C-alpha atoms as a PDB file:
ATOM      1  CA  MET A   1      -0.152  -0.055  -0.165  1.00  0.00           C
ATOM      2  CA  ALA A   2       1.486   3.173  -1.117  1.00  0.00           C
ATOM      3  CA  ARG A   3       1.623   6.166   1.404  1.00  0.00           C
ATOM      4  CA  SER A   4       0.871   9.245   0.863  1.00  0.00           C
ATOM      5  CA  PRO A   5       3.406  11.923   1.146  1.00  0.00           C
ATOM      6  CA  ALA A   6       3.854  13.601   4.695  1.00  0.00           C
ATOM      7  CA  PRO A   7       2.466  17.055   4.926  1.00  0.00           C
ATOM      8  CA  VAL A   8       5.421  19.768   4.145  1.00  0.00           C
ATOM      9  CA  ASP A   9       5.376  22.415   7.270  1.00  0.00           C
ATOM     10  CA  ILE A  10       7.057  25.184   7.445  1.00  0.00           C
ATOM     11  CA  PHE A  11      11.056  24.399   8.346  1.00  0.00           C
ATOM     12  CA  THR A  12      10.922  22.057   5.761  1.00  0.00           C
ATOM     13  CA  ALA A  13       9.592  24.180   3.400  1.00  0.00           C
ATOM     14  CA  ILE A  14      12.674  26.829   4.095  1.00  0.00           C
ATOM     15  CA  ALA A  15      15.117  23.993   3.864  1.00  0.00           C
ATOM     16  CA  ASP A  16      15.381  23.992   0.502  1.00  0.00           C
ATOM     17  CA  GLU A  17      17.923  26.718  -1.159  1.00  0.00           C
ATOM     18  CA  HIS A  18      15.588  27.554  -4.219  1.00  0.00           C
ATOM     19  CA  ARG A  19      12.650  28.037  -1.920  1.00  0.00           C
ATOM     20  CA  ARG A  20      14.998  30.426   0.485  1.00  0.00           C
ATOM     21  CA  GLU A  21      15.967  32.360  -2.921  1.00  0.00           C
ATOM     22  CA  ILE A  22      12.330  32.987  -4.067  1.00  0.00           C
ATOM     23  CA  LEU A  23      11.461  33.965  -0.531  1.00  0.00           C
ATOM     24  CA  ASP A  24      14.731  36.361  -0.504  1.00  0.00           C
ATOM     25  CA  LEU A  25      13.509  37.700  -4.334  1.00  0.00           C
ATOM     26  CA  LEU A  26       9.720  38.451  -3.087  1.00  0.00           C
ATOM     27  CA  LEU A  27      11.546  40.626  -0.099  1.00  0.00           C
ATOM     28  CA  ASP A  28      11.629  43.572  -2.606  1.00  0.00           C
ATOM     29  CA  GLY A  29       7.889  43.270  -3.353  1.00  0.00           C
ATOM     30  CA  GLU A  30       5.266  41.142  -5.446  1.00  0.00           C
ATOM     31  CA  THR A  31       6.251  39.738  -8.524  1.00  0.00           C
ATOM     32  CA  HIS A  32       5.352  37.327 -11.757  1.00  0.00           C
ATOM     33  CA  VAL A  33       6.411  33.837 -11.899  1.00  0.00           C
ATOM     34  CA  GLY A  34       8.582  34.743 -15.259  1.00  0.00           C
ATOM     35  CA  ASN A  35      10.847  37.284 -13.156  1.00  0.00           C
ATOM     36  CA  ILE A  36      11.377  34.608 -10.178  1.00  0.00           C
ATOM     37  CA  VAL A  37      12.403  32.301 -13.204  1.00  0.00           C
ATOM     38  CA  ASN A  38      14.865  34.785 -14.579  1.00  0.00           C
ATOM     39  CA  GLU A  39      16.489  35.855 -10.950  1.00  0.00           C
ATOM     40  CA  VAL A  40      16.655  32.266  -9.397  1.00  0.00           C
ATOM     41  CA  GLY A  41      17.638  30.646 -12.528  1.00  0.00           C
ATOM     42  CA  ILE A  42      15.785  27.525 -13.090  1.00  0.00           C
ATOM     43  CA  SER A  43      13.047  26.304 -15.100  1.00  0.00           C
ATOM     44  CA  GLN A  44       9.204  27.579 -14.827  1.00  0.00           C
ATOM     45  CA  PRO A  45       7.875  24.297 -13.883  1.00  0.00           C
ATOM     46  CA  GLN A  46      10.794  23.884 -11.048  1.00  0.00           C
ATOM     47  CA  VAL A  47       9.447  27.544  -9.725  1.00  0.00           C
ATOM     48  CA  SER A  48       5.688  26.777  -9.764  1.00  0.00           C
ATOM     49  CA  LYS A  49       6.537  23.564  -7.802  1.00  0.00           C
ATOM     50  CA  HIS A  50       8.595  25.481  -4.919  1.00  0.00           C
ATOM     51  CA  LEU A  51       5.602  28.317  -5.240  1.00  0.00           C
ATOM     52  CA  ARG A  52       3.272  25.702  -4.663  1.00  0.00           C
ATOM     53  CA  VAL A  53       5.313  24.507  -1.466  1.00  0.00           C
ATOM     54  CA  LEU A  54       5.888  27.610  -0.176  1.00  0.00           C
ATOM     55  CA  SER A  55       2.025  28.575  -0.897  1.00  0.00           C
ATOM     56  CA  ASP A  56       0.923  25.317   0.950  1.00  0.00           C
ATOM     57  CA  VAL A  57       2.311  26.492   4.003  1.00  0.00           C
ATOM     58  CA  GLY A  58       1.312  29.849   3.995  1.00  0.00           C
ATOM     59  CA  LEU A  59       4.629  31.617   3.423  1.00  0.00           C
ATOM     60  CA  VAL A  60       3.475  33.041   0.024  1.00  0.00           C
ATOM     61  CA  ARG A  61       0.203  34.288  -1.709  1.00  0.00           C
ATOM     62  CA  CYS A  62      -0.763  34.687  -5.102  1.00  0.00           C
ATOM     63  CA  ARG A  63      -3.055  36.889  -7.032  1.00  0.00           C
ATOM     64  CA  ALA A  64      -4.543  37.168 -10.593  1.00  0.00           C
ATOM     65  CA  VAL A  65      -4.027  40.185 -12.493  1.00  0.00           C
ATOM     66  CA  GLY A  66      -5.327  39.189 -15.816  1.00  0.00           C
ATOM     67  CA  ARG A  67      -3.741  35.781 -17.274  1.00  0.00           C
ATOM     68  CA  ARG A  68      -0.485  36.830 -14.655  1.00  0.00           C
ATOM     69  CA  ARG A  69      -0.037  35.203 -11.416  1.00  0.00           C
ATOM     70  CA  LEU A  70       1.607  37.797  -8.992  1.00  0.00           C
ATOM     71  CA  TYR A  71       3.511  36.083  -5.880  1.00  0.00           C
ATOM     72  CA  HIS A  72       3.968  38.279  -2.742  1.00  0.00           C
ATOM     73  CA  LEU A  73       5.378  37.176   1.060  1.00  0.00           C
ATOM     74  CA  SER A  74       2.976  36.630   3.913  1.00  0.00           C
ATOM     75  CA  PRO A  75       5.904  36.444   6.445  1.00  0.00           C
ATOM     76  CA  THR A  76       3.218  35.889   9.246  1.00  0.00           C
ATOM     77  CA  CYS A  77       3.629  32.086   8.796  1.00  0.00           C
ATOM     78  CA  LEU A  78       7.211  32.614   9.957  1.00  0.00           C
ATOM     79  CA  GLN A  79       6.333  33.103  13.685  1.00  0.00           C
ATOM     80  CA  PRO A  80       7.051  29.153  14.458  1.00  0.00           C
ATOM     81  CA  VAL A  81      10.591  29.389  13.113  1.00  0.00           C
ATOM     82  CA  GLN A  82      11.113  32.890  14.791  1.00  0.00           C
ATOM     83  CA  GLU A  83       9.703  31.154  17.800  1.00  0.00           C
ATOM     84  CA  TRP A  84      12.222  28.309  17.309  1.00  0.00           C
ATOM     85  CA  SER A  85      15.402  30.212  16.207  1.00  0.00           C
ATOM     86  CA  ALA A  86      14.934  32.817  19.188  1.00  0.00           C
ATOM     87  CA  LYS A  87      16.194  30.456  21.778  1.00  0.00           C
ATOM     88  CA  PHE A  88      19.598  30.030  19.865  1.00  0.00           C
ATOM     89  CA  GLU A  89      19.878  33.713  19.507  1.00  0.00           C
ATOM     90  CA  ARG A  90      19.083  34.030  23.509  1.00  0.00           C
ATOM     91  CA  LEU A  91      21.926  31.387  23.932  1.00  0.00           C
ATOM     92  CA  GLN A  92      24.688  33.451  21.163  1.00  0.00           C
ATOM     93  CA  SER A  93      23.539  36.479  23.359  1.00  0.00           C
ATOM     94  CA  ALA A  94      24.037  34.972  26.435  1.00  0.00           C
ATOM     95  CA  ARG A  95      27.793  33.502  25.220  1.00  0.00           C
ATOM     96  CA  PHE A  96      28.790  37.091  23.908  1.00  0.00           C
ATOM     97  CA  ASP A  97      27.612  38.833  27.173  1.00  0.00           C
ATOM     98  CA  ARG A  98      30.073  36.628  28.938  1.00  0.00           C
ATOM     99  CA  LEU A  99      33.007  37.419  26.281  1.00  0.00           C
ATOM    100  CA  ASP A 100      32.379  40.965  26.808  1.00  0.00           C
ATOM    101  CA  ASP A 101      32.706  40.458  30.616  1.00  0.00           C
ATOM    102  CA  TYR A 102      35.912  38.406  30.518  1.00  0.00           C
ATOM    103  CA  LEU A 103      37.554  41.052  27.818  1.00  0.00           C
ATOM    104  CA  THR A 104      36.370  43.926  30.190  1.00  0.00           C
ATOM    105  CA  LYS A 105      38.029  42.441  33.012  1.00  0.00           C
ATOM    106  CA  ILE A 106      41.115  41.724  30.963  1.00  0.00           C
ATOM    107  CA  GLN A 107      41.203  45.220  30.068  1.00  0.00           C
ATOM    108  CA  SER A 108      40.922  46.511  33.499  1.00  0.00           C
ATOM    109  CA  ARG A 109      43.645  44.347  34.556  1.00  0.00           C
ATOM    110  CA  GLU A 110      46.208  45.748  31.849  1.00  0.00           C
ATOM    111  CA  ILE A 111      44.442  49.521  32.799  1.00  0.00           C
ATOM    112  CA  ALA A 112      45.736  48.791  36.455  1.00  0.00           C
ATOM    113  CA  ALA A 113      49.115  47.106  35.421  1.00  0.00           C
ATOM    114  CA  VAL A 114      49.906  50.261  33.577  1.00  0.00           C
ATOM    115  CA  ASN A 115      48.678  52.329  36.006  1.00  0.00           C
ATOM    116  CA  GLU A 116      50.890  50.500  38.686  1.00  0.00           C
ATOM    117  CA  HIS A 117      53.914  50.218  36.965  1.00  0.00           C
ATOM    118  CA  GLY A 118      54.135  53.871  35.625  1.00  0.00           C
ATOM    119  CA  GLY A 119      53.016  53.615  32.185  1.00  0.00           C
ATOM    120  CA  GLU A 120      54.527  50.309  31.373  1.00  0.00           C
ATOM    121  CA  PRO A 121      52.403  46.990  31.193  1.00  0.00           C
END
């Protein structure tokens, strides 16, 4: 019995390099498939496939203008990614804070040594 493919989640959607390129391109505003094809450098069917994945998870929206389909970002769906990555940002920030404290301590010791030895460390 064939299994149906698992639904794509937001993390899977943004894991693909071409989909991230498309999202980056859409940061500049709404555009049509032809422009995405030219900018990303992959075929129109591949771009359409990637846009479908991004649309399925809600990252991209489409509107019709005549026969053209214009795509734009819907970044509110990035909230789960932002919440997940915030934990790592806090960890990195804490590490930088500890490094800053350490460097400040070393600098204070060097200044004290200079002052104690009359201008020479």
